[in-house]
Protein backbone atom coordinates (compact mmCIF):
# COMPACT_ATOMS: atom_id res chain seq x y z
CA MET A 1 111.86 17.75 -41.17
CA ASP A 2 108.66 15.96 -42.06
CA LEU A 3 109.09 12.90 -44.32
CA ASP A 4 106.57 14.16 -46.90
CA LEU A 5 108.40 17.49 -47.19
CA PHE A 6 111.74 15.74 -47.52
CA ARG A 7 110.41 13.40 -50.23
CA ALA A 8 108.87 16.31 -52.12
CA ALA A 9 112.27 18.05 -52.25
CA LEU A 10 114.16 14.95 -53.44
CA PRO A 11 115.22 14.68 -57.06
CA ARG A 12 113.60 11.77 -58.87
CA GLY A 13 115.55 8.55 -59.30
CA ASP A 14 117.78 6.45 -57.10
CA LEU A 15 118.73 7.63 -53.61
CA TRP A 16 122.07 7.20 -51.87
CA VAL A 17 122.17 6.90 -48.06
CA PHE A 18 125.35 7.47 -46.03
CA GLY A 19 125.83 5.31 -42.92
CA TYR A 20 128.45 6.15 -40.30
CA GLY A 21 127.21 4.11 -37.28
CA SER A 22 124.75 1.24 -37.18
CA LEU A 23 123.50 2.04 -40.69
CA MET A 24 126.90 0.80 -41.94
CA TRP A 25 126.27 -2.74 -40.70
CA SER A 26 122.51 -2.85 -40.27
CA PRO A 27 120.87 -0.58 -42.86
CA GLY A 28 117.40 -2.13 -42.53
CA PHE A 29 116.39 -1.40 -46.14
CA ALA A 30 116.92 -3.02 -49.54
CA PHE A 31 119.69 -1.55 -51.67
CA ALA A 32 121.14 -2.21 -55.12
CA GLU A 33 124.72 -1.16 -54.44
CA ARG A 34 126.98 -0.29 -51.55
CA SER A 35 130.32 1.41 -51.49
CA MET A 36 132.79 2.80 -49.00
CA GLY A 37 132.15 6.53 -48.88
CA LEU A 38 133.92 9.65 -47.68
CA LEU A 39 131.99 12.66 -46.41
CA ARG A 40 133.98 15.88 -45.94
CA GLY A 41 132.84 18.67 -43.63
CA TYR A 42 131.41 16.39 -40.92
CA HIS A 43 132.88 13.94 -38.44
CA ARG A 44 131.48 10.96 -36.50
CA ALA A 45 130.94 11.78 -32.80
CA LEU A 46 129.39 10.15 -29.75
CA CYS A 47 127.00 13.03 -29.14
CA ILE A 48 123.39 11.78 -28.90
CA LEU A 49 121.74 10.48 -25.72
CA SER A 50 119.87 7.31 -26.63
CA THR A 51 116.70 6.72 -24.65
CA ARG A 52 115.20 4.09 -26.93
CA HIS A 53 117.56 2.00 -29.09
CA ARG A 54 120.63 1.90 -26.80
CA GLY A 55 119.34 3.20 -23.47
CA THR A 56 116.30 4.32 -21.51
CA HIS A 57 115.09 7.64 -20.09
CA ARG A 58 116.42 6.60 -16.68
CA ARG A 59 119.72 5.23 -17.99
CA PRO A 60 120.49 6.77 -21.38
CA GLY A 61 123.17 5.40 -23.65
CA LEU A 62 125.27 7.42 -26.07
CA VAL A 63 125.18 7.00 -29.84
CA MET A 64 126.75 8.68 -32.82
CA GLY A 65 125.82 11.66 -34.90
CA LEU A 66 127.55 13.65 -37.58
CA CYS A 67 128.92 16.98 -36.35
CA ARG A 68 130.43 19.83 -38.35
CA GLY A 69 134.12 19.77 -39.17
CA GLY A 70 136.60 17.17 -40.34
CA SER A 71 135.62 14.18 -42.44
CA CYS A 72 134.01 10.78 -42.00
CA TRP A 73 134.45 7.43 -43.74
CA GLY A 74 131.36 5.25 -43.84
CA MET A 75 129.22 3.11 -46.10
CA ALA A 76 127.05 4.52 -48.89
CA PHE A 77 124.04 2.58 -50.16
CA ARG A 78 122.21 3.14 -53.45
CA ILE A 79 118.47 2.53 -53.22
CA PRO A 80 116.71 1.99 -56.56
CA ALA A 81 114.04 4.58 -57.36
CA ALA A 82 111.23 2.01 -57.04
CA ARG A 83 112.23 1.29 -53.43
CA VAL A 84 112.98 4.82 -52.22
CA GLY A 85 109.55 5.36 -50.62
CA THR A 86 109.69 2.14 -48.58
CA ALA A 87 113.32 2.73 -47.54
CA LEU A 88 112.64 6.32 -46.46
CA ALA A 89 109.66 5.24 -44.36
CA LYS A 90 111.87 2.70 -42.55
CA LEU A 91 114.68 5.23 -42.08
CA TRP A 92 112.31 7.90 -40.70
CA ASN A 93 110.81 5.43 -38.26
CA ARG A 94 114.29 4.44 -37.08
CA GLU A 95 116.22 7.73 -37.11
CA MET A 96 113.69 10.55 -36.89
CA PRO A 97 111.00 9.87 -34.24
CA ARG A 98 112.56 12.32 -31.76
CA ARG A 99 113.96 14.69 -34.40
CA VAL A 100 117.45 14.56 -32.87
CA TYR A 101 118.87 14.47 -36.41
CA ARG A 102 118.43 16.67 -39.44
CA ALA A 103 118.04 14.79 -42.71
CA ARG A 104 120.31 16.35 -45.35
CA LEU A 105 121.59 15.51 -48.81
CA VAL A 106 125.37 15.78 -48.62
CA PRO A 107 128.17 15.19 -51.17
CA VAL A 108 129.87 11.81 -50.66
CA ARG A 109 132.77 10.35 -52.64
CA VAL A 110 132.18 6.66 -53.39
CA ALA A 111 134.05 3.97 -55.36
CA ARG A 112 136.14 4.98 -58.36
CA GLY A 113 136.07 8.63 -57.24
CA ARG A 114 132.40 9.12 -58.10
CA ARG A 115 130.60 11.85 -56.22
CA VAL A 116 126.99 11.36 -55.21
CA ARG A 117 124.51 13.29 -53.09
CA ALA A 118 123.51 11.06 -50.21
CA LEU A 119 121.01 11.28 -47.40
CA ALA A 120 122.81 11.63 -44.07
CA PHE A 121 121.46 12.14 -40.58
CA ILE A 122 123.24 15.15 -39.06
CA ALA A 123 123.13 15.73 -35.29
CA ASP A 124 121.01 18.74 -34.28
CA PRO A 125 123.08 20.63 -31.67
CA ARG A 126 119.95 22.43 -30.43
CA HIS A 127 118.14 19.21 -29.53
CA PRO A 128 117.94 18.39 -25.77
CA GLN A 129 119.44 14.92 -26.41
CA PHE A 130 122.54 16.42 -28.05
CA VAL A 131 125.57 16.15 -25.77
CA ARG A 132 128.29 18.74 -26.01
CA GLU A 133 131.76 18.20 -24.59
CA LEU A 134 132.22 15.29 -22.19
CA ASP A 135 135.44 13.81 -20.90
CA LEU A 136 136.37 10.22 -21.72
CA ARG A 137 135.08 8.83 -18.41
CA SER A 138 131.68 10.55 -18.74
CA ARG A 139 131.22 9.26 -22.28
CA ALA A 140 132.26 5.76 -21.21
CA GLN A 141 129.80 5.84 -18.28
CA LEU A 142 126.90 6.57 -20.66
CA VAL A 143 128.06 3.81 -23.02
CA ALA A 144 128.50 1.36 -20.12
CA GLN A 145 125.03 1.95 -18.67
CA GLY A 146 123.09 2.13 -21.94
CA VAL A 147 120.89 -0.85 -22.81
CA GLY A 148 117.82 -0.29 -24.98
CA GLN A 149 115.51 -1.94 -27.50
CA ARG A 150 118.40 -2.84 -29.80
CA GLY A 151 120.71 -4.04 -27.01
CA PRO A 152 123.72 -2.72 -25.11
CA CYS A 153 125.43 0.44 -26.20
CA THR A 154 128.77 -1.39 -25.94
CA ASP A 155 127.62 -3.81 -28.68
CA TYR A 156 126.74 -0.84 -30.89
CA ILE A 157 130.19 0.72 -30.46
CA ARG A 158 131.98 -2.63 -30.90
CA SER A 159 130.08 -3.39 -34.13
CA THR A 160 130.75 0.08 -35.48
CA LEU A 161 134.49 -0.24 -34.76
CA ARG A 162 134.57 -3.70 -36.36
CA HIS A 163 132.93 -2.44 -39.53
CA MET A 164 135.16 0.61 -39.61
CA ALA A 165 138.17 -1.75 -39.40
CA GLU A 166 136.80 -3.70 -42.38
CA LEU A 167 136.94 -0.41 -44.30
CA GLY A 168 140.50 0.18 -43.10
CA VAL A 169 139.40 3.04 -40.82
CA THR A 170 140.33 3.45 -37.16
CA ASP A 171 139.05 5.72 -34.42
CA PRO A 172 141.35 5.57 -31.37
CA HIS A 173 139.05 7.79 -29.25
CA LEU A 174 136.01 5.60 -29.91
CA ALA A 175 138.10 2.51 -29.13
CA ARG A 176 139.22 4.06 -25.80
CA VAL A 177 135.61 4.91 -24.90
CA LEU A 178 134.60 1.29 -25.55
CA GLU A 179 137.56 -0.12 -23.59
CA THR A 180 136.77 2.14 -20.62
CA ALA A 181 133.03 1.33 -20.78
CA GLU A 182 133.70 -2.42 -20.88
CA ALA A 183 136.00 -2.12 -17.86
CA MET A 184 133.26 -0.21 -15.99
CA ARG A 185 130.70 -2.91 -16.85
CA ALA A 186 133.07 -5.66 -15.72
CA ARG A 187 133.72 -3.93 -12.39
CA ALA A 188 129.97 -3.41 -11.82
CA SER A 189 129.27 -7.07 -12.67
CA SER A 190 132.03 -8.21 -10.31
CA ARG A 191 130.59 -6.11 -7.45
CA ARG A 192 127.09 -7.57 -8.04
CA ALA A 193 128.50 -11.11 -7.97
CA ARG A 194 129.98 -10.65 -4.50
């Protein structure tokens, strides 16, 4: 969706944004409040080939998207109305250049049981960079090889897991992918050193 169309459809006032990956720990916009948030109906998944931030066209990495089903804990940020335009421009530049996500307002439960409608970036399963089912080793290989403008894919996964742990949330599958990817990187580094 085009940013101008999305903005035109937004209700006036403050805007909440739901982060479930790097937005949790590196939002890149000014906010007035943040809160742990729960989104039902979507889950966090390693499902997007990254050819810019965490990989290249030749050696793509693998980053997260929200996919239908389940639930997802993350971080919700409230942007004051006066800063919504600037924050949206930054978010669109970061998340939407290749249109691999769909921007949606979704219901999120935040602190003290409040419910807010928050902007979330949902993975588009029809996009060519969307990855369907992969086994653990294939996911780990993409994570191990991915290095892009924002650094190694392993750093992205490690930071996400660390911030999830701060929220009291675990993801054993994501942790196994990272462990396997780091072992692959260590083996490759050892072979190069010989």
